Amino acid sequence: MDFYTNASYLDWDEAWDYQPGFTVELKSQPGTLHIVESYDPMMVPPVWLADDPMPHYPHELRVISQSSKYTCPLQPQMATLQPQLCRL
């Protein structure tokens, strides 16, 4: 089986592109920015926006920026003795 032609591989790429917190633009409404609320691969269409009650297909959207919302700090804070957790 060729890994790169497997449908699940493509789904992971799409899930990465539309993570919650990422900023997108509707191609039909250029200049109007939206925040991705959730991506559910079991739903059709799979992308839900925070300020839009209708879900969208990925081909309707353009990713503007990928938030650093889910990143861990590069240097741990030494002021606390508690383990450093990633911000969600």
PDB file of N, CA and C in Angstrom:
ATOM      1  N   MET A   1       0.845  -1.184   0.000  1.00  0.00           N
ATOM      2  CA  MET A   1       0.000   0.000   0.000  1.00  0.00           C
ATOM      3  C   MET A   1       0.889   1.245   0.000  1.00  0.00           C
ATOM      4  N   ASP A   2       0.603   2.154  -0.875  1.00  0.00           N
ATOM      5  CA  ASP A   2       1.350   3.409  -0.964  1.00  0.00           C
ATOM      6  C   ASP A   2       0.800   4.397   0.056  1.00  0.00           C
ATOM      7  N   PHE A   3       1.643   4.801   1.002  1.00  0.00           N
ATOM      8  CA  PHE A   3       1.207   5.670   2.089  1.00  0.00           C
ATOM      9  C   PHE A   3       0.688   7.013   1.585  1.00  0.00           C
ATOM     10  N   TYR A   4       1.317   7.574   0.573  1.00  0.00           N
ATOM     11  CA  TYR A   4       0.970   8.912   0.121  1.00  0.00           C
ATOM     12  C   TYR A   4      -0.314   8.980  -0.694  1.00  0.00           C
ATOM     13  N   THR A   5      -0.852   7.853  -1.108  1.00  0.00           N
ATOM     14  CA  THR A   5      -2.132   7.870  -1.803  1.00  0.00           C
ATOM     15  C   THR A   5      -3.267   7.459  -0.883  1.00  0.00           C
ATOM     16  N   ASN A   6      -2.951   7.160   0.357  1.00  0.00           N
ATOM     17  CA  ASN A   6      -3.964   6.771   1.326  1.00  0.00           C
ATOM     18  C   ASN A   6      -4.799   7.994   1.704  1.00  0.00           C
ATOM     19  N   ALA A   7      -6.120   7.846   1.754  1.00  0.00           N
ATOM     20  CA  ALA A   7      -7.016   8.963   2.060  1.00  0.00           C
ATOM     21  C   ALA A   7      -6.789   9.513   3.461  1.00  0.00           C
ATOM     22  N   SER A   8      -6.412   8.672   4.415  1.00  0.00           N
ATOM     23  CA  SER A   8      -6.222   9.161   5.784  1.00  0.00           C
ATOM     24  C   SER A   8      -5.045  10.132   5.865  1.00  0.00           C
ATOM     25  N   TYR A   9      -4.041   9.963   5.008  1.00  0.00           N
ATOM     26  CA  TYR A   9      -2.908  10.888   4.976  1.00  0.00           C
ATOM     27  C   TYR A   9      -3.385  12.281   4.568  1.00  0.00           C
ATOM     28  N   LEU A  10      -4.241  12.363   3.585  1.00  0.00           N
ATOM     29  CA  LEU A  10      -4.762  13.645   3.135  1.00  0.00           C
ATOM     30  C   LEU A  10      -5.625  14.286   4.206  1.00  0.00           C
ATOM     31  N   ASP A  11      -6.372  13.498   4.942  1.00  0.00           N
ATOM     32  CA  ASP A  11      -7.204  14.026   6.013  1.00  0.00           C
ATOM     33  C   ASP A  11      -6.361  14.668   7.106  1.00  0.00           C
ATOM     34  N   TRP A  12      -5.197  14.088   7.412  1.00  0.00           N
ATOM     35  CA  TRP A  12      -4.327  14.671   8.436  1.00  0.00           C
ATOM     36  C   TRP A  12      -3.801  16.020   7.985  1.00  0.00           C
ATOM     37  N   ASP A  13      -3.450  16.154   6.721  1.00  0.00           N
ATOM     38  CA  ASP A  13      -2.990  17.444   6.194  1.00  0.00           C
ATOM     39  C   ASP A  13      -4.086  18.493   6.317  1.00  0.00           C
ATOM     40  N   GLU A  14      -5.283  18.122   5.960  1.00  0.00           N
ATOM     41  CA  GLU A  14      -6.408  19.047   6.032  1.00  0.00           C
ATOM     42  C   GLU A  14      -6.714  19.421   7.481  1.00  0.00           C
ATOM     43  N   ALA A  15      -6.654  18.451   8.378  1.00  0.00           N
ATOM     44  CA  ALA A  15      -6.898  18.721   9.797  1.00  0.00           C
ATOM     45  C   ALA A  15      -5.850  19.680  10.347  1.00  0.00           C
ATOM     46  N   TRP A  16      -4.611  19.572   9.900  1.00  0.00           N
ATOM     47  CA  TRP A  16      -3.559  20.483  10.351  1.00  0.00           C
ATOM     48  C   TRP A  16      -3.822  21.906   9.847  1.00  0.00           C
ATOM     49  N   ASP A  17      -4.262  22.035   8.598  1.00  0.00           N
ATOM     50  CA  ASP A  17      -4.494  23.350   8.002  1.00  0.00           C
ATOM     51  C   ASP A  17      -5.640  24.108   8.648  1.00  0.00           C
ATOM     52  N   TYR A  18      -6.585  23.401   9.246  1.00  0.00           N
ATOM     53  CA  TYR A  18      -7.781  24.049   9.799  1.00  0.00           C
ATOM     54  C   TYR A  18      -7.930  23.779  11.292  1.00  0.00           C
ATOM     55  N   GLN A  19      -6.845  23.967  12.039  1.00  0.00           N
ATOM     56  CA  GLN A  19      -6.889  23.800  13.492  1.00  0.00           C
ATOM     57  C   GLN A  19      -7.651  24.950  14.135  1.00  0.00           C
ATOM     58  N   PRO A  20      -8.286  24.698  15.287  1.00  0.00           N
ATOM     59  CA  PRO A  20      -8.966  25.781  16.005  1.00  0.00           C
ATOM     60  C   PRO A  20      -7.995  26.914  16.325  1.00  0.00           C
ATOM     61  N   GLY A  21      -8.457  28.132  16.116  1.00  0.00           N
ATOM     62  CA  GLY A  21      -7.637  29.308  16.380  1.00  0.00           C
ATOM     63  C   GLY A  21      -6.971  29.880  15.142  1.00  0.00           C
ATOM     64  N   PHE A  22      -6.914  29.127  14.058  1.00  0.00           N
ATOM     65  CA  PHE A  22      -6.305  29.632  12.828  1.00  0.00           C
ATOM     66  C   PHE A  22      -7.239  30.661  12.185  1.00  0.00           C
ATOM     67  N   THR A  23      -6.661  31.651  11.535  1.00  0.00           N
ATOM     68  CA  THR A  23      -7.434  32.687  10.850  1.00  0.00           C
ATOM     69  C   THR A  23      -7.587  32.299   9.387  1.00  0.00           C
ATOM     70  N   VAL A  24      -8.830  32.365   8.905  1.00  0.00           N
ATOM     71  CA  VAL A  24      -9.122  32.029   7.511  1.00  0.00           C
ATOM     72  C   VAL A  24      -9.965  33.135   6.890  1.00  0.00           C
ATOM     73  N   GLU A  25     -10.035  33.098   5.575  1.00  0.00           N
ATOM     74  CA  GLU A  25     -10.836  34.044   4.812  1.00  0.00           C
ATOM     75  C   GLU A  25     -11.728  33.232   3.882  1.00  0.00           C
ATOM     76  N   LEU A  26     -12.990  33.614   3.794  1.00  0.00           N
ATOM     77  CA  LEU A  26     -13.867  32.984   2.815  1.00  0.00           C
ATOM     78  C   LEU A  26     -13.487  33.507   1.437  1.00  0.00           C
ATOM     79  N   LYS A  27     -13.267  32.615   0.489  1.00  0.00           N
ATOM     80  CA  LYS A  27     -12.888  33.041  -0.862  1.00  0.00           C
ATOM     81  C   LYS A  27     -14.001  33.848  -1.520  1.00  0.00           C
ATOM     82  N   SER A  28     -15.256  33.593  -1.122  1.00  0.00           N
ATOM     83  CA  SER A  28     -16.382  34.332  -1.692  1.00  0.00           C
ATOM     84  C   SER A  28     -16.538  35.719  -1.080  1.00  0.00           C
ATOM     85  N   GLN A  29     -15.858  35.973   0.067  1.00  0.00           N
ATOM     86  CA  GLN A  29     -15.913  37.279   0.740  1.00  0.00           C
ATOM     87  C   GLN A  29     -14.495  37.737   1.075  1.00  0.00           C
ATOM     88  N   PRO A  30     -13.703  38.127   0.090  1.00  0.00           N
ATOM     89  CA  PRO A  30     -12.320  38.533   0.355  1.00  0.00           C
ATOM     90  C   PRO A  30     -12.259  39.699   1.342  1.00  0.00           C
ATOM     91  N   GLY A  31     -11.289  39.635   2.249  1.00  0.00           N
ATOM     92  CA  GLY A  31     -11.106  40.688   3.232  1.00  0.00           C
ATOM     93  C   GLY A  31     -11.845  40.454   4.534  1.00  0.00           C
ATOM     94  N   THR A  32     -12.762  39.503   4.570  1.00  0.00           N
ATOM     95  CA  THR A  32     -13.492  39.186   5.793  1.00  0.00           C
ATOM     96  C   THR A  32     -12.804  38.013   6.466  1.00  0.00           C
ATOM     97  N   LEU A  33     -12.252  38.257   7.650  1.00  0.00           N
ATOM     98  CA  LEU A  33     -11.499  37.223   8.355  1.00  0.00           C
ATOM     99  C   LEU A  33     -12.369  36.509   9.375  1.00  0.00           C
ATOM    100  N   HIS A  34     -12.116  35.221   9.532  1.00  0.00           N
ATOM    101  CA  HIS A  34     -12.844  34.381  10.477  1.00  0.00           C
ATOM    102  C   HIS A  34     -11.840  33.522  11.241  1.00  0.00           C
ATOM    103  N   ILE A  35     -12.235  33.074  12.409  1.00  0.00           N
ATOM    104  CA  ILE A  35     -11.417  32.184  13.228  1.00  0.00           C
ATOM    105  C   ILE A  35     -12.020  30.783  13.160  1.00  0.00           C
ATOM    106  N   VAL A  36     -11.184  29.780  12.917  1.00  0.00           N
ATOM    107  CA  VAL A  36     -11.655  28.395  12.889  1.00  0.00           C
ATOM    108  C   VAL A  36     -12.015  27.980  14.313  1.00  0.00           C
ATOM    109  N   GLU A  37     -13.242  27.521  14.490  1.00  0.00           N
ATOM    110  CA  GLU A  37     -13.687  27.043  15.801  1.00  0.00           C
ATOM    111  C   GLU A  37     -13.376  25.563  15.962  1.00  0.00           C
ATOM    112  N   SER A  38     -13.658  24.785  14.922  1.00  0.00           N
ATOM    113  CA  SER A  38     -13.364  23.353  15.006  1.00  0.00           C
ATOM    114  C   SER A  38     -13.283  22.745  13.614  1.00  0.00           C
ATOM    115  N   TYR A  39     -12.637  21.601  13.575  1.00  0.00           N
ATOM    116  CA  TYR A  39     -12.546  20.795  12.354  1.00  0.00           C
ATOM    117  C   TYR A  39     -12.968  19.387  12.742  1.00  0.00           C
ATOM    118  N   ASP A  40     -13.991  18.882  12.079  1.00  0.00           N
ATOM    119  CA  ASP A  40     -14.496  17.547  12.375  1.00  0.00           C
ATOM    120  C   ASP A  40     -14.514  16.740  11.082  1.00  0.00           C
ATOM    121  N   PRO A  41     -13.548  15.823  10.897  1.00  0.00           N
ATOM    122  CA  PRO A  41     -13.474  15.075   9.639  1.00  0.00           C
ATOM    123  C   PRO A  41     -14.672  14.163   9.395  1.00  0.00           C
ATOM    124  N   MET A  42     -15.466  13.921  10.427  1.00  0.00           N
ATOM    125  CA  MET A  42     -16.639  13.067  10.257  1.00  0.00           C
ATOM    126  C   MET A  42     -17.855  13.862   9.779  1.00  0.00           C
ATOM    127  N   MET A  43     -17.745  15.180   9.742  1.00  0.00           N
ATOM    128  CA  MET A  43     -18.843  16.034   9.281  1.00  0.00           C
ATOM    129  C   MET A  43     -18.582  16.463   7.837  1.00  0.00           C
ATOM    130  N   VAL A  44     -19.650  16.704   7.111  1.00  0.00           N
ATOM    131  CA  VAL A  44     -19.541  17.210   5.746  1.00  0.00           C
ATOM    132  C   VAL A  44     -20.472  18.406   5.640  1.00  0.00           C
ATOM    133  N   PRO A  45     -19.931  19.593   5.477  1.00  0.00           N
ATOM    134  CA  PRO A  45     -18.543  20.035   5.431  1.00  0.00           C
ATOM    135  C   PRO A  45     -17.890  20.035   6.818  1.00  0.00           C
ATOM    136  N   PRO A  46     -16.560  19.929   6.878  1.00  0.00           N
ATOM    137  CA  PRO A  46     -15.881  19.687   8.150  1.00  0.00           C
ATOM    138  C   PRO A  46     -15.405  20.900   8.948  1.00  0.00           C
ATOM    139  N   VAL A  47     -15.381  22.108   8.365  1.00  0.00           N
ATOM    140  CA  VAL A  47     -14.783  23.266   9.044  1.00  0.00           C
ATOM    141  C   VAL A  47     -15.879  24.180   9.597  1.00  0.00           C
ATOM    142  N   TRP A  48     -15.815  24.426  10.917  1.00  0.00           N
ATOM    143  CA  TRP A  48     -16.755  25.334  11.580  1.00  0.00           C
ATOM    144  C   TRP A  48     -16.009  26.598  11.971  1.00  0.00           C
ATOM    145  N   LEU A  49     -16.609  27.749  11.682  1.00  0.00           N
ATOM    146  CA  LEU A  49     -16.011  29.037  12.014  1.00  0.00           C
ATOM    147  C   LEU A  49     -16.694  29.613  13.249  1.00  0.00           C
ATOM    148  N   ALA A  50     -15.938  30.384  14.047  1.00  0.00           N
ATOM    149  CA  ALA A  50     -16.446  30.896  15.322  1.00  0.00           C
ATOM    150  C   ALA A  50     -17.629  31.843  15.147  1.00  0.00           C
ATOM    151  N   ASP A  51     -17.638  32.647  14.105  1.00  0.00           N
ATOM    152  CA  ASP A  51     -18.696  33.647  13.947  1.00  0.00           C
ATOM    153  C   ASP A  51     -19.629  33.361  12.769  1.00  0.00           C
ATOM    154  N   ASP A  52     -19.693  32.117  12.347  1.00  0.00           N
ATOM    155  CA  ASP A  52     -20.551  31.735  11.227  1.00  0.00           C
ATOM    156  C   ASP A  52     -21.284  30.450  11.598  1.00  0.00           C
ATOM    157  N   PRO A  53     -22.621  30.456  11.578  1.00  0.00           N
ATOM    158  CA  PRO A  53     -23.373  29.269  12.003  1.00  0.00           C
ATOM    159  C   PRO A  53     -23.327  28.098  11.018  1.00  0.00           C
ATOM    160  N   MET A  54     -22.838  28.331   9.805  1.00  0.00           N
ATOM    161  CA  MET A  54     -22.802  27.260   8.813  1.00  0.00           C
ATOM    162  C   MET A  54     -21.388  26.723   8.646  1.00  0.00           C
ATOM    163  N   PRO A  55     -21.235  25.407   8.528  1.00  0.00           N
ATOM    164  CA  PRO A  55     -19.906  24.829   8.278  1.00  0.00           C
ATOM    165  C   PRO A  55     -19.476  25.084   6.833  1.00  0.00           C
ATOM    166  N   HIS A  56     -18.172  24.934   6.591  1.00  0.00           N
ATOM    167  CA  HIS A  56     -17.622  25.206   5.261  1.00  0.00           C
ATOM    168  C   HIS A  56     -16.699  24.083   4.814  1.00  0.00           C
ATOM    169  N   TYR A  57     -16.577  23.958   3.490  1.00  0.00           N
ATOM    170  CA  TYR A  57     -15.613  23.043   2.893  1.00  0.00           C
ATOM    171  C   TYR A  57     -14.259  23.744   2.817  1.00  0.00           C
ATOM    172  N   PRO A  58     -13.167  22.986   2.917  1.00  0.00           N
ATOM    173  CA  PRO A  58     -11.836  23.598   2.830  1.00  0.00           C
ATOM    174  C   PRO A  58     -11.595  24.375   1.534  1.00  0.00           C
ATOM    175  N   HIS A  59     -12.177  23.939   0.413  1.00  0.00           N
ATOM    176  CA  HIS A  59     -11.941  24.656  -0.845  1.00  0.00           C
ATOM    177  C   HIS A  59     -12.607  26.037  -0.861  1.00  0.00           C
ATOM    178  N   GLU A  60     -13.498  26.313   0.106  1.00  0.00           N
ATOM    179  CA  GLU A  60     -14.139  27.624   0.209  1.00  0.00           C
ATOM    180  C   GLU A  60     -13.301  28.612   1.010  1.00  0.00           C
ATOM    181  N   LEU A  61     -12.234  28.118   1.669  1.00  0.00           N
ATOM    182  CA  LEU A  61     -11.463  28.928   2.608  1.00  0.00           C
ATOM    183  C   LEU A  61     -10.022  29.114   2.158  1.00  0.00           C
ATOM    184  N   ARG A  62      -9.421  30.199   2.617  1.00  0.00           N
ATOM    185  CA  ARG A  62      -7.999  30.467   2.408  1.00  0.00           C
ATOM    186  C   ARG A  62      -7.397  30.703   3.790  1.00  0.00           C
ATOM    187  N   VAL A  63      -6.377  29.949   4.155  1.00  0.00           N
ATOM    188  CA  VAL A  63      -5.724  30.119   5.451  1.00  0.00           C
ATOM    189  C   VAL A  63      -4.898  31.400   5.403  1.00  0.00           C
ATOM    190  N   ILE A  64      -5.163  32.302   6.356  1.00  0.00           N
ATOM    191  CA  ILE A  64      -4.454  33.582   6.421  1.00  0.00           C
ATOM    192  C   ILE A  64      -3.281  33.491   7.381  1.00  0.00           C
ATOM    193  N   SER A  65      -3.527  32.988   8.588  1.00  0.00           N
ATOM    194  CA  SER A  65      -2.432  32.837   9.550  1.00  0.00           C
ATOM    195  C   SER A  65      -2.695  31.638  10.440  1.00  0.00           C
ATOM    196  N   GLN A  66      -1.613  31.013  10.826  1.00  0.00           N
ATOM    197  CA  GLN A  66      -1.683  29.875  11.723  1.00  0.00           C
ATOM    198  C   GLN A  66      -1.262  30.358  13.097  1.00  0.00           C
ATOM    199  N   SER A  67      -2.181  30.312  14.023  1.00  0.00           N
ATOM    200  CA  SER A  67      -1.950  30.814  15.373  1.00  0.00           C
ATOM    201  C   SER A  67      -0.887  30.005  16.096  1.00  0.00           C
ATOM    202  N   SER A  68      -0.170  30.663  16.981  1.00  0.00           N
ATOM    203  CA  SER A  68       0.790  29.960  17.837  1.00  0.00           C
ATOM    204  C   SER A  68       0.132  29.615  19.163  1.00  0.00           C
ATOM    205  N   LYS A  69      -1.163  29.524  19.156  1.00  0.00           N
ATOM    206  CA  LYS A  69      -1.950  29.296  20.363  1.00  0.00           C
ATOM    207  C   LYS A  69      -1.574  28.005  21.079  1.00  0.00           C
ATOM    208  N   TYR A  70      -1.189  26.975  20.353  1.00  0.00           N
ATOM    209  CA  TYR A  70      -0.938  25.672  20.951  1.00  0.00           C
ATOM    210  C   TYR A  70       0.543  25.337  21.066  1.00  0.00           C
ATOM    211  N   THR A  71       1.387  26.332  21.130  1.00  0.00           N
ATOM    212  CA  THR A  71       2.817  26.076  21.239  1.00  0.00           C
ATOM    213  C   THR A  71       3.282  26.188  22.678  1.00  0.00           C
ATOM    214  N   CYS A  72       4.339  25.484  22.992  1.00  0.00           N
ATOM    215  CA  CYS A  72       4.942  25.551  24.324  1.00  0.00           C
ATOM    216  C   CYS A  72       6.047  26.600  24.311  1.00  0.00           C
ATOM    217  N   PRO A  73       6.306  27.232  25.449  1.00  0.00           N
ATOM    218  CA  PRO A  73       7.408  28.202  25.492  1.00  0.00           C
ATOM    219  C   PRO A  73       8.746  27.503  25.275  1.00  0.00           C
ATOM    220  N   LEU A  74       9.691  28.204  24.651  1.00  0.00           N
ATOM    221  CA  LEU A  74      10.998  27.612  24.389  1.00  0.00           C
ATOM    222  C   LEU A  74      11.831  27.495  25.656  1.00  0.00           C
ATOM    223  N   GLN A  75      11.706  28.461  26.561  1.00  0.00           N
ATOM    224  CA  GLN A  75      12.464  28.428  27.804  1.00  0.00           C
ATOM    225  C   GLN A  75      11.492  28.315  28.973  1.00  0.00           C
ATOM    226  N   PRO A  76      11.662  27.307  29.828  1.00  0.00           N
ATOM    227  CA  PRO A  76      10.761  27.178  30.976  1.00  0.00           C
ATOM    228  C   PRO A  76      10.977  28.327  31.948  1.00  0.00           C
ATOM    229  N   GLN A  77       9.926  28.691  32.633  1.00  0.00           N
ATOM    230  CA  GLN A  77      10.036  29.749  33.626  1.00  0.00           C
ATOM    231  C   GLN A  77      10.606  29.158  34.903  1.00  0.00           C
ATOM    232  N   MET A  78      11.681  29.746  35.393  1.00  0.00           N
ATOM    233  CA  MET A  78      12.369  29.219  36.566  1.00  0.00           C
ATOM    234  C   MET A  78      11.774  29.734  37.872  1.00  0.00           C
ATOM    235  N   ALA A  79      10.861  30.698  37.806  1.00  0.00           N
ATOM    236  CA  ALA A  79      10.306  31.283  39.023  1.00  0.00           C
ATOM    237  C   ALA A  79       9.388  30.314  39.757  1.00  0.00           C
ATOM    238  N   THR A  80       8.814  29.367  39.058  1.00  0.00           N
ATOM    239  CA  THR A  80       7.902  28.420  39.698  1.00  0.00           C
ATOM    240  C   THR A  80       8.537  27.044  39.736  1.00  0.00           C
ATOM    241  N   LEU A  81       8.156  26.278  40.719  1.00  0.00           N
ATOM    242  CA  LEU A  81       8.652  24.910  40.827  1.00  0.00           C
ATOM    243  C   LEU A  81       7.685  23.914  40.202  1.00  0.00           C
ATOM    244  N   GLN A  82       6.544  24.407  39.731  1.00  0.00           N
ATOM    245  CA  GLN A  82       5.562  23.537  39.101  1.00  0.00           C
ATOM    246  C   GLN A  82       5.957  23.287  37.653  1.00  0.00           C
ATOM    247  N   PRO A  83       5.579  22.123  37.116  1.00  0.00           N
ATOM    248  CA  PRO A  83       5.907  21.847  35.711  1.00  0.00           C
ATOM    249  C   PRO A  83       5.229  22.855  34.789  1.00  0.00           C
ATOM    250  N   GLN A  84       5.917  23.206  33.724  1.00  0.00           N
ATOM    251  CA  GLN A  84       5.390  24.162  32.752  1.00  0.00           C
ATOM    252  C   GLN A  84       4.484  23.428  31.773  1.00  0.00           C
ATOM    253  N   LEU A  85       3.252  23.876  31.627  1.00  0.00           N
ATOM    254  CA  LEU A  85       2.301  23.270  30.711  1.00  0.00           C
ATOM    255  C   LEU A  85       2.129  24.161  29.494  1.00  0.00           C
ATOM    256  N   CYS A  86       1.767  23.551  28.394  1.00  0.00           N
ATOM    257  CA  CYS A  86       1.480  24.320  27.189  1.00  0.00           C
ATOM    258  C   CYS A  86       0.167  25.058  27.371  1.00  0.00           C
ATOM    259  N   ARG A  87       0.086  26.266  26.805  1.00  0.00           N
ATOM    260  CA  ARG A  87      -1.161  27.025  26.857  1.00  0.00           C
ATOM    261  C   ARG A  87      -2.135  26.464  25.837  1.00  0.00           C
ATOM    262  N   LEU A  88      -3.391  26.361  26.207  1.00  0.00           N
ATOM    263  CA  LEU A  88      -4.427  25.931  25.273  1.00  0.00           C
ATOM    264  C   LEU A  88      -5.376  27.046  24.989  1.00  0.00           C
TER     265      LEU A  88
END
